[in-house]
Amino acid sequence: MSGMGRKPTKNLNLPKGMRAREQKSGHVFFYLDLGGKPRRETPLGDNYPSAVRKWAELSISEMPAGATITFRHAAERYQREALPRKAPRTQKDNLSEIAKLLEFFDNPPAPLNQIQPQHVRQYLDWRGETAKVRANREKALLSHLWNFAREKGMTSLPNPCRGVRGFTEVGRKDVFIEDEVFAAVYAAGSQALQDAMDLAYLTGQRPADVLRMTAAHIKDNMIAVRQGKTGKTVRIRLTGNDGTKNGLGKLIDRIADRKRAKKIVDIALVCAQGGTRLTAYGLDSAFDRARIKAATAATIAGKIEMAAMIRGFQFRDLRAKACTEKADSDGRLAARRQLGHARIKMTESYVRQGDIVTPTR
């Protein structure tokens, strides 16, 4: 790739040879700069993860013998070989994280073997000035990227992230969505949002997995959910021990009846008003609108504390609500199995209320 194309003056965090051009519509389009006069370009599309994969296929070659391996070399190989195996949302997050790491470790280019724990500390201090939580995530990716580079023979040095402390995160361990808060946002939401909220609460699955649920996943009175983050499959029953439909089974029947009445052919369980699968962006927008509407209504009614709880409600909190109530009713092991956690310790972090106990007497 040496000598390919002109030297870029902006978007310096893009892989070498990859360019970005903003269209009149506001969308950014990516292409591979092949250089030459007149300059030759290969279009890569307007989706960043997909564009990076195409860039990798077209431009990355093996390192020449004796060349100094820089952090960028390791990052680009990681994007080519490790990133495509991850879930789409994780790919998107990792690409943003790599971009920030390149701002620091590729300005000027840092030889991989010269990166030490003190440099990781310097990165955290630099990044932590504006985004402590993101700094922690980027350090975690740097650690994974380094282990990848060791496996590929790009370095034999120990992981420089080891022993370097990140920032303390408060998290949302004390946030529990009460039924009244859930009901207020639910009532203010569209039909698609209500379906998504019901499915998220009754199944305890992540938002992205809820949106991926389809009629094709239903078999033998169960719905099979293959979690995008872990790859683990969880089968959730739609009937009780007596064979009658439980709350989830009744919900899916209602969704199916409504789709038939409106002649919606998309097999997704959560469909937008136009009859097509609800997207992640559509879910975020619908939830934001409902939350604002519900919080405004609570404020007008003089329920200031209620309005504050509504404004603090995040869709992902439904997973913790489901876990907490499942643990209360059926125990933590049942909650762990429903959420698809590998370890009970992870389930514990989702339980938002204390154990229910009886008094001594």
Protein backbone atom coordinates (compact mmCIF):
# COMPACT_ATOMS: atom_id res chain seq x y z
CA MET A 1 0.00 0.00 0.00
CA SER A 2 3.00 2.33 0.10
CA GLY A 3 2.63 5.27 -2.27
CA MET A 4 -1.06 4.58 -2.82
CA GLY A 5 -3.08 7.74 -3.46
CA ARG A 6 -2.56 11.21 -2.12
CA LYS A 7 -1.89 12.05 1.51
CA PRO A 8 -5.21 12.77 3.26
CA THR A 9 -5.72 16.03 5.14
CA LYS A 10 -8.81 15.01 7.13
CA ASN A 11 -10.45 11.80 8.42
CA LEU A 12 -6.95 10.75 9.44
CA ASN A 13 -8.29 7.93 11.59
CA LEU A 14 -9.45 5.96 8.53
CA PRO A 15 -7.40 2.95 7.40
CA LYS A 16 -4.58 3.82 5.03
CA GLY A 17 -5.84 4.39 1.49
CA MET A 18 -9.47 4.68 2.57
CA ARG A 19 -11.19 8.02 2.03
CA ALA A 20 -14.51 9.53 3.10
CA ARG A 21 -16.54 12.02 1.10
CA GLU A 22 -19.69 13.72 2.39
CA GLN A 23 -22.58 13.81 -0.07
CA LYS A 24 -25.07 16.68 -0.46
CA SER A 25 -27.60 14.57 1.41
CA GLY A 26 -25.32 14.54 4.44
CA HIS A 27 -24.42 10.87 4.08
CA VAL A 28 -20.74 9.92 4.06
CA PHE A 29 -19.53 7.67 1.25
CA PHE A 30 -16.29 5.69 1.50
CA TYR A 31 -13.92 4.70 -1.28
CA LEU A 32 -10.44 3.28 -1.82
CA ASP A 33 -7.95 5.76 -3.28
CA LEU A 34 -5.82 3.91 -5.85
CA GLY A 35 -3.80 6.99 -6.80
CA GLY A 36 -2.62 7.79 -10.30
CA LYS A 37 -3.38 10.67 -12.64
CA PRO A 38 -6.26 10.99 -13.16
CA ARG A 39 -6.92 9.60 -9.67
CA ARG A 40 -8.60 6.19 -9.62
CA GLU A 41 -11.12 5.22 -6.95
CA THR A 42 -12.97 2.06 -5.95
CA PRO A 43 -16.32 2.69 -4.21
CA LEU A 44 -16.74 0.97 -0.85
CA GLY A 45 -20.29 2.07 0.05
CA ASP A 46 -21.78 4.25 2.79
CA ASN A 47 -21.79 1.66 5.60
CA TYR A 48 -18.57 1.99 7.60
CA PRO A 49 -18.17 -1.64 8.83
CA SER A 50 -18.96 -3.00 5.36
CA ALA A 51 -16.63 -0.43 3.75
CA VAL A 52 -13.78 -1.45 6.05
CA ARG A 53 -14.24 -5.11 5.14
CA LYS A 54 -14.12 -4.28 1.42
CA TRP A 55 -11.09 -2.04 1.99
CA ALA A 56 -9.34 -4.92 3.77
CA GLU A 57 -10.06 -7.34 0.94
CA LEU A 58 -8.74 -4.94 -1.69
CA SER A 59 -5.77 -3.29 -0.04
CA ILE A 60 -4.12 -5.15 2.82
CA SER A 61 -1.06 -7.23 2.00
CA GLU A 62 1.46 -9.01 4.17
CA MET A 63 4.14 -6.97 5.89
CA PRO A 64 7.42 -6.82 3.95
CA ALA A 65 10.33 -8.64 5.58
CA GLY A 66 12.21 -6.49 8.08
CA ALA A 67 9.56 -3.74 8.17
CA THR A 68 8.80 -2.05 11.49
CA ILE A 69 5.36 -3.14 12.69
CA THR A 70 3.41 -0.17 13.98
CA PHE A 71 0.22 -0.02 16.01
CA ARG A 72 -1.66 0.88 12.82
CA HIS A 73 -0.45 -2.32 11.16
CA ALA A 74 -1.81 -4.37 14.06
CA ALA A 75 -5.08 -2.39 14.13
CA GLU A 76 -5.66 -2.86 10.40
CA ARG A 77 -5.02 -6.59 10.57
CA TYR A 78 -7.38 -6.81 13.54
CA GLN A 79 -10.06 -5.04 11.47
CA ARG A 80 -9.53 -7.47 8.63
CA GLU A 81 -9.44 -10.75 10.54
CA ALA A 82 -11.05 -10.36 13.97
CA LEU A 83 -13.74 -7.73 13.50
CA PRO A 84 -15.87 -9.55 10.89
CA ARG A 85 -16.49 -12.38 13.38
CA LYS A 86 -18.23 -10.02 15.81
CA ALA A 87 -21.85 -8.88 15.95
CA PRO A 88 -22.69 -5.83 13.77
CA ARG A 89 -23.24 -3.53 16.77
CA THR A 90 -19.93 -4.65 18.30
CA GLN A 91 -18.18 -4.03 14.98
CA LYS A 92 -19.55 -0.50 14.90
CA ASP A 93 -18.43 0.18 18.48
CA ASN A 94 -14.98 -1.34 17.89
CA LEU A 95 -14.41 0.75 14.77
CA SER A 96 -15.10 3.93 16.75
CA GLU A 97 -12.78 2.71 19.51
CA ILE A 98 -10.00 1.90 17.04
CA ALA A 99 -10.38 5.37 15.55
CA LYS A 100 -9.67 6.96 18.94
CA LEU A 101 -6.75 4.62 19.62
CA LEU A 102 -5.24 5.57 16.26
CA GLU A 103 -5.50 9.26 17.14
CA PHE A 104 -3.10 8.62 20.00
CA PHE A 105 -0.91 5.71 18.90
CA ASP A 106 -0.56 6.72 15.24
CA ASN A 107 0.29 10.40 15.71
CA PRO A 108 3.17 9.93 15.07
CA PRO A 109 3.12 6.20 14.17
CA ALA A 110 4.09 4.14 17.21
CA PRO A 111 6.14 0.94 16.71
CA LEU A 112 4.12 -1.83 18.32
CA ASN A 113 7.04 -3.12 20.38
CA GLN A 114 7.59 0.30 21.96
CA ILE A 115 4.13 0.56 23.53
CA GLN A 116 4.45 0.12 27.29
CA PRO A 117 2.09 0.31 30.31
CA GLN A 118 3.02 3.96 30.86
CA HIS A 119 1.73 4.78 27.38
CA VAL A 120 -1.57 3.04 28.13
CA ARG A 121 -1.80 5.17 31.28
CA GLN A 122 -1.08 8.28 29.22
CA TYR A 123 -3.84 7.28 26.80
CA LEU A 124 -6.34 6.85 29.62
CA ASP A 125 -5.43 10.22 31.12
CA TRP A 126 -5.74 11.92 27.71
CA ARG A 127 -9.03 10.25 26.80
CA GLY A 128 -10.43 10.42 30.32
CA GLU A 129 -10.49 14.21 30.23
CA THR A 130 -13.67 14.02 28.17
CA ALA A 131 -14.91 10.40 28.25
CA LYS A 132 -13.89 8.13 31.13
CA VAL A 133 -16.31 5.31 30.30
CA ARG A 134 -15.30 5.27 26.64
CA ALA A 135 -11.65 5.30 27.72
CA ASN A 136 -12.26 2.09 29.65
CA ARG A 137 -13.89 0.44 26.63
CA GLU A 138 -11.04 1.50 24.37
CA LYS A 139 -8.46 0.14 26.82
CA ALA A 140 -10.33 -3.19 26.81
CA LEU A 141 -10.20 -3.27 23.00
CA LEU A 142 -6.51 -2.36 23.04
CA SER A 143 -5.90 -5.33 25.34
CA HIS A 144 -7.80 -7.68 23.02
CA LEU A 145 -6.03 -6.25 19.99
CA TRP A 146 -2.65 -6.79 21.65
CA ASN A 147 -3.42 -10.43 22.43
CA PHE A 148 -4.49 -10.86 18.81
CA ALA A 149 -1.17 -9.36 17.65
CA ARG A 150 0.74 -11.79 19.89
CA GLU A 151 -1.15 -14.74 18.41
CA LYS A 152 -0.28 -13.55 14.91
CA GLY A 153 3.42 -13.13 15.72
CA MET A 154 3.38 -9.35 15.36
CA THR A 155 4.84 -8.97 18.87
CA SER A 156 6.10 -11.21 21.63
CA LEU A 157 5.91 -8.62 24.39
CA PRO A 158 3.47 -8.93 27.31
CA ASN A 159 0.20 -7.07 27.17
CA PRO A 160 0.89 -3.43 28.23
CA CYS A 161 -2.69 -3.05 29.52
CA ARG A 162 -2.07 -5.55 32.29
CA GLY A 163 -1.95 -3.84 35.66
CA VAL A 164 -3.11 -0.47 34.31
CA ARG A 165 -6.25 0.58 36.14
CA GLY A 166 -9.15 2.10 34.28
CA PHE A 167 -11.65 4.59 35.67
CA THR A 168 -14.26 3.64 38.25
CA GLU A 169 -17.73 3.40 36.73
CA VAL A 170 -20.87 4.02 38.72
CA GLY A 171 -23.10 2.13 36.29
CA ARG A 172 -26.87 1.63 36.67
CA LYS A 173 -26.88 -0.99 39.43
CA ASP A 174 -29.40 0.98 41.50
CA VAL A 175 -31.80 1.67 38.61
CA PHE A 176 -34.99 -0.40 38.71
CA ILE A 177 -37.94 0.45 36.51
CA GLU A 178 -41.09 0.40 38.60
CA ASP A 179 -44.35 -0.77 37.02
CA GLU A 180 -45.76 2.77 37.14
CA VAL A 181 -42.83 4.14 35.11
CA PHE A 182 -43.08 1.28 32.61
CA ALA A 183 -46.83 1.84 32.22
CA ALA A 184 -46.46 5.59 31.65
CA VAL A 185 -43.96 5.22 28.79
CA TYR A 186 -45.86 2.21 27.41
CA ALA A 187 -49.13 4.17 27.23
CA ALA A 188 -47.40 7.04 25.43
CA GLY A 189 -45.77 4.76 22.86
CA SER A 190 -46.69 3.50 19.42
CA GLN A 191 -47.94 -0.04 18.84
CA ALA A 192 -44.50 -1.09 17.61
CA LEU A 193 -42.85 0.29 20.75
CA GLN A 194 -45.39 -1.44 22.97
CA ASP A 195 -44.69 -4.76 21.24
CA ALA A 196 -40.94 -4.24 21.66
CA MET A 197 -41.30 -3.31 25.34
CA ASP A 198 -43.50 -6.34 26.03
CA LEU A 199 -41.09 -8.70 24.28
CA ALA A 200 -38.04 -7.21 26.01
CA TYR A 201 -39.65 -7.48 29.43
CA LEU A 202 -41.17 -10.95 29.01
CA THR A 203 -38.06 -12.51 27.45
CA GLY A 204 -35.33 -10.53 29.21
CA GLN A 205 -33.38 -10.22 25.96
CA ARG A 206 -31.26 -7.34 24.65
CA PRO A 207 -32.91 -4.71 22.39
CA ALA A 208 -31.10 -5.91 19.25
CA ASP A 209 -32.18 -9.51 19.91
CA VAL A 210 -35.78 -8.40 20.42
CA LEU A 211 -35.79 -6.71 17.01
CA ARG A 212 -34.40 -9.88 15.39
CA MET A 213 -37.21 -12.11 16.69
CA THR A 214 -39.36 -13.54 13.89
CA ALA A 215 -42.18 -16.02 13.43
CA ALA A 216 -39.61 -18.43 11.95
CA HIS A 217 -37.99 -18.70 15.39
CA ILE A 218 -41.16 -20.22 16.89
CA LYS A 219 -41.31 -24.01 17.07
CA ASP A 220 -42.74 -26.60 19.49
CA ASN A 221 -44.36 -23.88 21.60
CA MET A 222 -41.02 -22.13 22.16
CA ILE A 223 -39.25 -19.17 20.63
CA ALA A 224 -35.53 -19.62 20.04
CA VAL A 225 -33.41 -16.50 20.51
CA ARG A 226 -29.83 -16.58 19.24
CA GLN A 227 -28.14 -13.77 21.10
CA GLY A 228 -26.14 -11.52 18.82
CA LYS A 229 -23.59 -10.59 21.49
CA THR A 230 -22.71 -14.08 22.74
CA GLY A 231 -23.96 -16.39 19.99
CA LYS A 232 -25.79 -18.39 22.69
CA THR A 233 -29.27 -19.70 21.88
CA VAL A 234 -32.01 -19.44 24.51
CA ARG A 235 -35.34 -21.22 24.01
CA ILE A 236 -38.23 -19.59 25.85
CA ARG A 237 -41.49 -21.47 26.45
CA LEU A 238 -44.77 -20.04 25.21
CA THR A 239 -46.95 -22.34 27.34
CA GLY A 240 -47.17 -23.33 30.97
CA ASN A 241 -46.93 -26.86 32.35
CA ASP A 242 -50.64 -27.34 31.71
CA GLY A 243 -50.25 -26.49 28.02
CA THR A 244 -52.06 -23.15 28.17
CA LYS A 245 -50.41 -20.04 26.71
CA ASN A 246 -48.37 -17.97 29.14
CA GLY A 247 -47.96 -14.18 28.92
CA LEU A 248 -45.37 -14.41 26.15
CA GLY A 249 -47.42 -16.90 24.17
CA LYS A 250 -50.50 -14.69 24.39
CA LEU A 251 -48.46 -11.66 23.30
CA ILE A 252 -47.12 -13.44 20.22
CA ASP A 253 -50.64 -14.59 19.32
CA ARG A 254 -51.90 -10.98 19.59
CA ILE A 255 -49.07 -9.77 17.37
CA ALA A 256 -49.81 -12.49 14.80
CA ASP A 257 -53.56 -11.66 14.79
CA ARG A 258 -52.86 -7.95 14.31
CA LYS A 259 -50.41 -8.61 11.45
CA ARG A 260 -52.95 -10.83 9.69
CA ALA A 261 -55.65 -8.19 10.08
CA LYS A 262 -53.39 -5.52 8.59
CA LYS A 263 -52.03 -7.94 5.94
CA ILE A 264 -48.42 -7.48 7.12
CA VAL A 265 -46.22 -10.11 5.50
CA ASP A 266 -42.89 -9.32 7.21
CA ILE A 267 -42.03 -12.24 9.54
CA ALA A 268 -40.47 -9.95 12.17
CA LEU A 269 -42.46 -9.83 15.40
CA VAL A 270 -41.88 -6.10 15.90
CA CYS A 271 -43.00 -4.18 12.82
CA ALA A 272 -43.22 -0.44 12.22
CA GLN A 273 -46.42 1.25 11.09
CA GLY A 274 -45.50 0.69 7.43
CA GLY A 275 -45.41 -3.07 7.94
CA THR A 276 -41.64 -3.58 7.80
CA ARG A 277 -39.30 -4.72 10.55
CA LEU A 278 -38.63 -2.03 13.15
CA THR A 279 -34.99 -0.90 13.02
CA ALA A 280 -32.72 -0.02 15.92
CA TYR A 281 -32.95 3.63 14.93
CA GLY A 282 -36.74 3.37 14.76
CA LEU A 283 -36.86 1.81 18.22
CA ASP A 284 -34.63 4.52 19.70
CA SER A 285 -36.73 7.28 18.13
CA ALA A 286 -40.06 5.76 19.21
CA PHE A 287 -38.80 5.24 22.77
CA ASP A 288 -37.45 8.81 23.00
CA ARG A 289 -40.77 10.25 21.81
CA ALA A 290 -42.78 8.16 24.28
CA ARG A 291 -40.47 9.00 27.16
CA ILE A 292 -40.67 12.75 26.48
CA LYS A 293 -44.47 12.59 26.17
CA ALA A 294 -44.83 10.59 29.40
CA ALA A 295 -42.40 12.81 31.35
CA THR A 296 -44.21 15.96 30.17
CA ALA A 297 -47.56 14.54 31.25
CA ALA A 298 -46.15 13.64 34.68
CA THR A 299 -44.70 17.14 35.10
CA ILE A 300 -48.01 18.80 34.21
CA ALA A 301 -49.73 16.55 36.76
CA GLY A 302 -47.28 17.73 39.42
CA LYS A 303 -45.51 14.36 39.67
CA ILE A 304 -42.00 15.78 39.56
CA GLU A 305 -40.24 12.71 41.00
CA MET A 306 -42.15 10.46 38.62
CA ALA A 307 -41.14 12.66 35.66
CA ALA A 308 -37.48 12.39 36.69
CA MET A 309 -37.70 8.58 36.84
CA ILE A 310 -39.31 8.50 33.40
CA ARG A 311 -36.57 10.69 31.92
CA GLY A 312 -33.95 8.34 33.40
CA PHE A 313 -35.61 5.24 31.92
CA GLN A 314 -33.52 3.53 29.22
CA PHE A 315 -34.86 0.72 27.05
CA ARG A 316 -32.02 -1.57 28.10
CA ASP A 317 -33.26 -1.29 31.72
CA LEU A 318 -36.03 -3.75 30.79
CA ARG A 319 -33.46 -6.56 30.76
CA ALA A 320 -32.55 -5.78 34.36
CA LYS A 321 -36.23 -5.49 35.32
CA ALA A 322 -36.93 -8.91 33.80
CA CYS A 323 -33.90 -10.42 35.54
CA THR A 324 -34.82 -8.96 38.93
CA GLU A 325 -38.42 -10.16 38.83
CA LYS A 326 -37.46 -13.57 37.44
CA ALA A 327 -34.91 -13.99 40.24
CA ASP A 328 -37.54 -13.01 42.81
CA SER A 329 -40.10 -15.51 41.51
CA ASP A 330 -37.99 -18.46 40.29
CA GLY A 331 -34.51 -17.85 41.67
CA ARG A 332 -31.22 -16.58 40.28
CA LEU A 333 -30.41 -19.79 38.39
CA ALA A 334 -33.64 -19.48 36.39
CA ALA A 335 -32.83 -15.80 35.71
CA ARG A 336 -29.32 -16.72 34.55
CA ARG A 337 -30.69 -19.29 32.09
CA GLN A 338 -33.30 -16.88 30.71
CA LEU A 339 -30.79 -14.08 30.13
CA GLY A 340 -28.21 -16.47 28.67
CA HIS A 341 -25.44 -15.60 31.11
CA ALA A 342 -22.44 -17.90 31.35
CA ARG A 343 -21.84 -17.09 35.02
CA ILE A 344 -24.18 -16.37 37.92
CA LYS A 345 -21.97 -13.39 38.81
CA MET A 346 -23.14 -11.64 35.65
CA THR A 347 -26.77 -12.30 36.57
CA GLU A 348 -26.14 -10.83 40.03
CA SER A 349 -25.11 -7.55 38.41
CA TYR A 350 -28.55 -7.33 36.73
CA VAL A 351 -30.54 -7.90 39.91
CA ARG A 352 -31.62 -4.40 40.94
CA GLN A 353 -33.35 -5.11 44.25
CA GLY A 354 -32.36 -6.98 47.38
CA ASP A 355 -33.39 -10.56 48.16
CA ILE A 356 -36.88 -11.14 49.54
CA VAL A 357 -36.57 -12.73 52.97
CA THR A 358 -38.79 -13.51 55.95
CA PRO A 359 -38.22 -12.10 59.42
CA THR A 360 -36.64 -14.15 62.19
CA ARG A 361 -40.06 -14.56 63.76
